[in-house]
N, C-alpha and C. Protein backbone atom coordinates (compact mmCIF):
# COMPACT_ATOMS: atom_id res chain seq x y z
N UNK A 1 83.40 69.88 130.73
CA UNK A 1 83.33 70.52 129.44
C UNK A 1 83.87 69.54 128.40
N UNK A 2 83.06 69.23 127.40
CA UNK A 2 83.44 68.19 126.45
C UNK A 2 83.94 68.75 125.12
N UNK A 3 83.66 69.99 124.78
CA UNK A 3 84.15 70.56 123.53
C UNK A 3 83.15 70.41 122.39
N UNK A 4 83.43 71.05 121.31
CA UNK A 4 82.51 71.07 120.17
C UNK A 4 82.46 69.76 119.40
N UNK A 5 83.52 69.01 119.40
CA UNK A 5 83.54 67.80 118.59
C UNK A 5 82.67 66.68 119.14
N UNK A 6 82.22 66.82 120.36
CA UNK A 6 81.32 65.81 120.92
C UNK A 6 79.90 66.01 120.41
N UNK A 7 79.62 67.17 119.82
CA UNK A 7 78.31 67.44 119.25
C UNK A 7 78.21 66.69 117.93
N UNK A 8 77.15 65.92 117.74
CA UNK A 8 77.02 65.11 116.52
C UNK A 8 76.92 65.98 115.27
N UNK A 9 76.30 67.14 115.38
CA UNK A 9 76.18 68.02 114.21
C UNK A 9 77.55 68.46 113.72
N UNK A 10 78.48 68.70 114.62
CA UNK A 10 79.82 69.11 114.22
C UNK A 10 80.50 68.00 113.43
N UNK A 11 80.32 66.77 113.85
CA UNK A 11 80.95 65.66 113.14
C UNK A 11 80.32 65.45 111.78
N UNK A 12 79.02 65.65 111.68
CA UNK A 12 78.35 65.48 110.39
C UNK A 12 78.84 66.53 109.40
N UNK A 13 79.02 67.76 109.87
CA UNK A 13 79.53 68.82 108.99
C UNK A 13 80.92 68.48 108.50
N UNK A 14 81.73 67.89 109.34
CA UNK A 14 83.09 67.56 108.93
C UNK A 14 83.09 66.43 107.90
N UNK A 15 82.09 65.56 107.94
CA UNK A 15 82.02 64.48 106.97
C UNK A 15 81.73 65.01 105.57
N UNK A 16 80.98 66.11 105.48
CA UNK A 16 80.61 66.67 104.19
C UNK A 16 81.67 67.60 103.62
N UNK A 17 82.76 67.74 104.31
CA UNK A 17 83.82 68.65 103.87
C UNK A 17 84.53 68.06 102.65
N UNK A 18 84.67 68.87 101.63
CA UNK A 18 85.39 68.43 100.43
C UNK A 18 86.66 69.25 100.28
N UNK A 19 87.74 68.56 100.06
CA UNK A 19 89.01 69.25 99.85
C UNK A 19 89.15 69.52 98.35
N UNK A 20 89.29 70.80 98.02
CA UNK A 20 89.43 71.17 96.62
C UNK A 20 90.85 71.67 96.41
N UNK A 21 91.51 71.10 95.44
CA UNK A 21 92.86 71.53 95.13
C UNK A 21 92.81 72.79 94.29
N UNK A 22 93.75 73.67 94.56
CA UNK A 22 93.83 74.89 93.77
C UNK A 22 94.47 74.55 92.43
N UNK A 23 93.96 75.15 91.37
CA UNK A 23 94.58 74.88 90.07
C UNK A 23 95.99 75.46 90.04
N UNK A 24 96.89 74.86 89.30
CA UNK A 24 98.26 75.38 89.26
C UNK A 24 98.29 76.79 88.66
N UNK A 25 99.19 77.59 89.17
CA UNK A 25 99.33 78.96 88.71
C UNK A 25 100.15 78.96 87.42
N UNK A 26 99.63 79.65 86.41
CA UNK A 26 100.33 79.68 85.13
C UNK A 26 101.45 80.71 85.17
N UNK A 27 102.33 80.61 84.19
CA UNK A 27 103.46 81.54 84.09
C UNK A 27 102.94 82.97 83.91
N UNK A 28 101.89 83.14 83.12
CA UNK A 28 101.31 84.46 82.89
C UNK A 28 100.75 85.06 84.18
N UNK A 29 100.09 84.21 84.97
CA UNK A 29 99.53 84.68 86.25
C UNK A 29 100.64 85.10 87.20
N UNK A 30 101.74 84.33 87.25
CA UNK A 30 102.87 84.70 88.11
C UNK A 30 103.48 86.02 87.67
N UNK A 31 103.64 86.18 86.35
CA UNK A 31 104.21 87.42 85.83
C UNK A 31 103.30 88.61 86.10
N UNK A 32 101.99 88.41 85.95
CA UNK A 32 101.03 89.48 86.21
C UNK A 32 101.05 89.87 87.68
N UNK A 33 101.13 88.86 88.56
CA UNK A 33 101.18 89.14 89.99
C UNK A 33 102.46 89.89 90.35
N UNK A 34 103.57 89.49 89.74
CA UNK A 34 104.85 90.15 89.99
C UNK A 34 104.80 91.60 89.50
N UNK A 35 104.24 91.80 88.30
CA UNK A 35 104.13 93.15 87.74
C UNK A 35 103.25 94.04 88.62
N UNK A 36 102.13 93.49 89.10
CA UNK A 36 101.24 94.26 89.97
C UNK A 36 101.95 94.60 91.28
N UNK A 37 102.72 93.65 91.79
CA UNK A 37 103.46 93.90 93.02
C UNK A 37 104.47 95.02 92.83
N UNK A 38 105.18 95.01 91.70
CA UNK A 38 106.14 96.07 91.42
C UNK A 38 105.43 97.42 91.27
N UNK A 39 104.28 97.41 90.59
CA UNK A 39 103.52 98.64 90.40
C UNK A 39 103.06 99.19 91.75
N UNK A 40 102.56 98.30 92.62
CA UNK A 40 102.13 98.72 93.96
C UNK A 40 103.29 99.30 94.75
N UNK A 41 104.46 98.67 94.64
CA UNK A 41 105.63 99.15 95.37
C UNK A 41 106.06 100.52 94.87
N UNK A 42 106.06 100.72 93.55
CA UNK A 42 106.42 102.03 92.99
C UNK A 42 105.43 103.10 93.43
N UNK A 43 104.15 102.74 93.44
CA UNK A 43 103.11 103.69 93.87
C UNK A 43 103.31 104.06 95.33
N UNK A 44 103.59 103.07 96.17
CA UNK A 44 103.81 103.33 97.59
C UNK A 44 105.04 104.21 97.80
N UNK A 45 106.10 103.95 97.02
CA UNK A 45 107.31 104.77 97.14
C UNK A 45 107.05 106.21 96.73
N UNK A 46 106.27 106.39 95.66
CA UNK A 46 105.95 107.74 95.20
C UNK A 46 105.13 108.49 96.26
N UNK A 47 104.17 107.80 96.86
CA UNK A 47 103.36 108.42 97.92
C UNK A 47 104.23 108.77 99.12
N UNK A 48 105.14 107.88 99.47
CA UNK A 48 106.03 108.12 100.61
C UNK A 48 106.95 109.32 100.34
N UNK A 49 107.48 109.39 99.10
CA UNK A 49 108.35 110.51 98.75
C UNK A 49 107.58 111.82 98.79
N UNK A 50 106.35 111.81 98.32
CA UNK A 50 105.51 113.01 98.35
C UNK A 50 105.28 113.46 99.79
N UNK A 51 104.98 112.51 100.67
CA UNK A 51 104.76 112.83 102.08
C UNK A 51 106.03 113.34 102.73
N UNK A 52 107.17 112.71 102.41
CA UNK A 52 108.45 113.15 102.97
C UNK A 52 108.80 114.56 102.50
N UNK A 53 108.55 114.84 101.22
CA UNK A 53 108.83 116.17 100.68
C UNK A 53 107.95 117.23 101.36
N UNK A 54 106.68 116.90 101.57
CA UNK A 54 105.78 117.84 102.24
C UNK A 54 106.23 118.07 103.68
N UNK A 55 106.64 117.00 104.35
CA UNK A 55 107.12 117.13 105.72
C UNK A 55 108.36 118.02 105.78
N UNK A 56 109.31 117.77 104.85
CA UNK A 56 110.55 118.55 104.83
C UNK A 56 110.26 120.03 104.55
N UNK A 57 109.36 120.31 103.62
CA UNK A 57 109.02 121.70 103.30
C UNK A 57 108.39 122.38 104.51
N UNK A 58 107.50 121.69 105.19
CA UNK A 58 106.86 122.26 106.38
C UNK A 58 107.89 122.47 107.49
N UNK A 59 108.80 121.52 107.65
CA UNK A 59 109.84 121.62 108.66
C UNK A 59 110.72 122.85 108.40
N UNK A 60 111.12 123.02 107.15
CA UNK A 60 111.97 124.17 106.80
C UNK A 60 111.21 125.49 107.00
N UNK A 61 109.93 125.52 106.66
CA UNK A 61 109.12 126.73 106.84
C UNK A 61 109.04 127.09 108.32
N UNK A 62 108.74 126.10 109.15
CA UNK A 62 108.64 126.35 110.59
C UNK A 62 109.98 126.77 111.18
N UNK A 63 111.06 126.17 110.69
CA UNK A 63 112.40 126.52 111.16
C UNK A 63 112.72 127.99 110.82
N UNK A 64 112.36 128.40 109.60
CA UNK A 64 112.60 129.79 109.19
C UNK A 64 111.76 130.75 110.03
N UNK A 65 110.50 130.38 110.30
CA UNK A 65 109.65 131.23 111.14
C UNK A 65 110.21 131.35 112.55
N UNK A 66 110.69 130.24 113.10
CA UNK A 66 111.26 130.26 114.45
C UNK A 66 112.51 131.14 114.50
N UNK A 67 113.38 131.03 113.50
CA UNK A 67 114.59 131.85 113.46
C UNK A 67 114.23 133.34 113.36
N UNK A 68 113.20 133.64 112.55
CA UNK A 68 112.77 135.03 112.40
C UNK A 68 112.24 135.57 113.74
N UNK A 69 111.45 134.75 114.44
CA UNK A 69 110.93 135.17 115.76
C UNK A 69 112.07 135.38 116.74
N UNK A 70 113.04 134.45 116.75
CA UNK A 70 114.16 134.58 117.67
C UNK A 70 114.99 135.82 117.34
N UNK A 71 115.15 136.11 116.07
CA UNK A 71 115.92 137.29 115.67
C UNK A 71 115.18 138.57 116.10
N UNK A 72 113.87 138.60 115.90
CA UNK A 72 113.09 139.77 116.33
C UNK A 72 113.13 139.92 117.85
N UNK A 73 113.04 138.80 118.55
CA UNK A 73 113.08 138.85 120.01
C UNK A 73 114.46 139.30 120.48
N UNK A 74 115.50 138.86 119.79
CA UNK A 74 116.86 139.25 120.15
C UNK A 74 117.07 140.74 119.89
N UNK A 75 116.59 141.24 118.78
CA UNK A 75 116.73 142.66 118.48
C UNK A 75 115.90 143.50 119.43
N UNK A 76 114.70 143.06 119.73
CA UNK A 76 113.82 143.79 120.63
C UNK A 76 114.37 143.79 122.05
N UNK A 77 114.97 142.68 122.47
CA UNK A 77 115.52 142.59 123.83
C UNK A 77 116.71 143.50 124.03
N UNK A 78 117.59 143.64 123.04
CA UNK A 78 118.77 144.49 123.16
C UNK A 78 118.37 145.97 123.05
N UNK A 79 117.36 146.26 122.27
CA UNK A 79 116.94 147.66 122.09
C UNK A 79 116.25 148.16 123.35
N UNK A 80 115.46 147.33 124.01
CA UNK A 80 114.74 147.80 125.19
C UNK A 80 115.64 147.84 126.42
N UNK A 81 116.69 147.00 126.46
CA UNK A 81 117.56 147.00 127.63
C UNK A 81 118.61 148.13 127.57
N UNK A 82 118.80 148.74 126.39
CA UNK A 82 119.87 149.71 126.24
C UNK A 82 119.50 151.09 126.49
């Protein structure tokens, strides 16, 4: 097995490769990127808080339902055994 570089077409393609330098990033571009990053982070935090609040509300609702069922079962168990 000789590998891809032994193929002449692969070497020809590499000869035509041009290295292009990226233009320097301006101060405005850095500030815009930073501002967008902060905005994205705030948005993600707001979504996370909303999800956490929904989870907590559902957890408390289920907890209250379970306590109500246990209380009814406890009252029903003592009434039928007596």
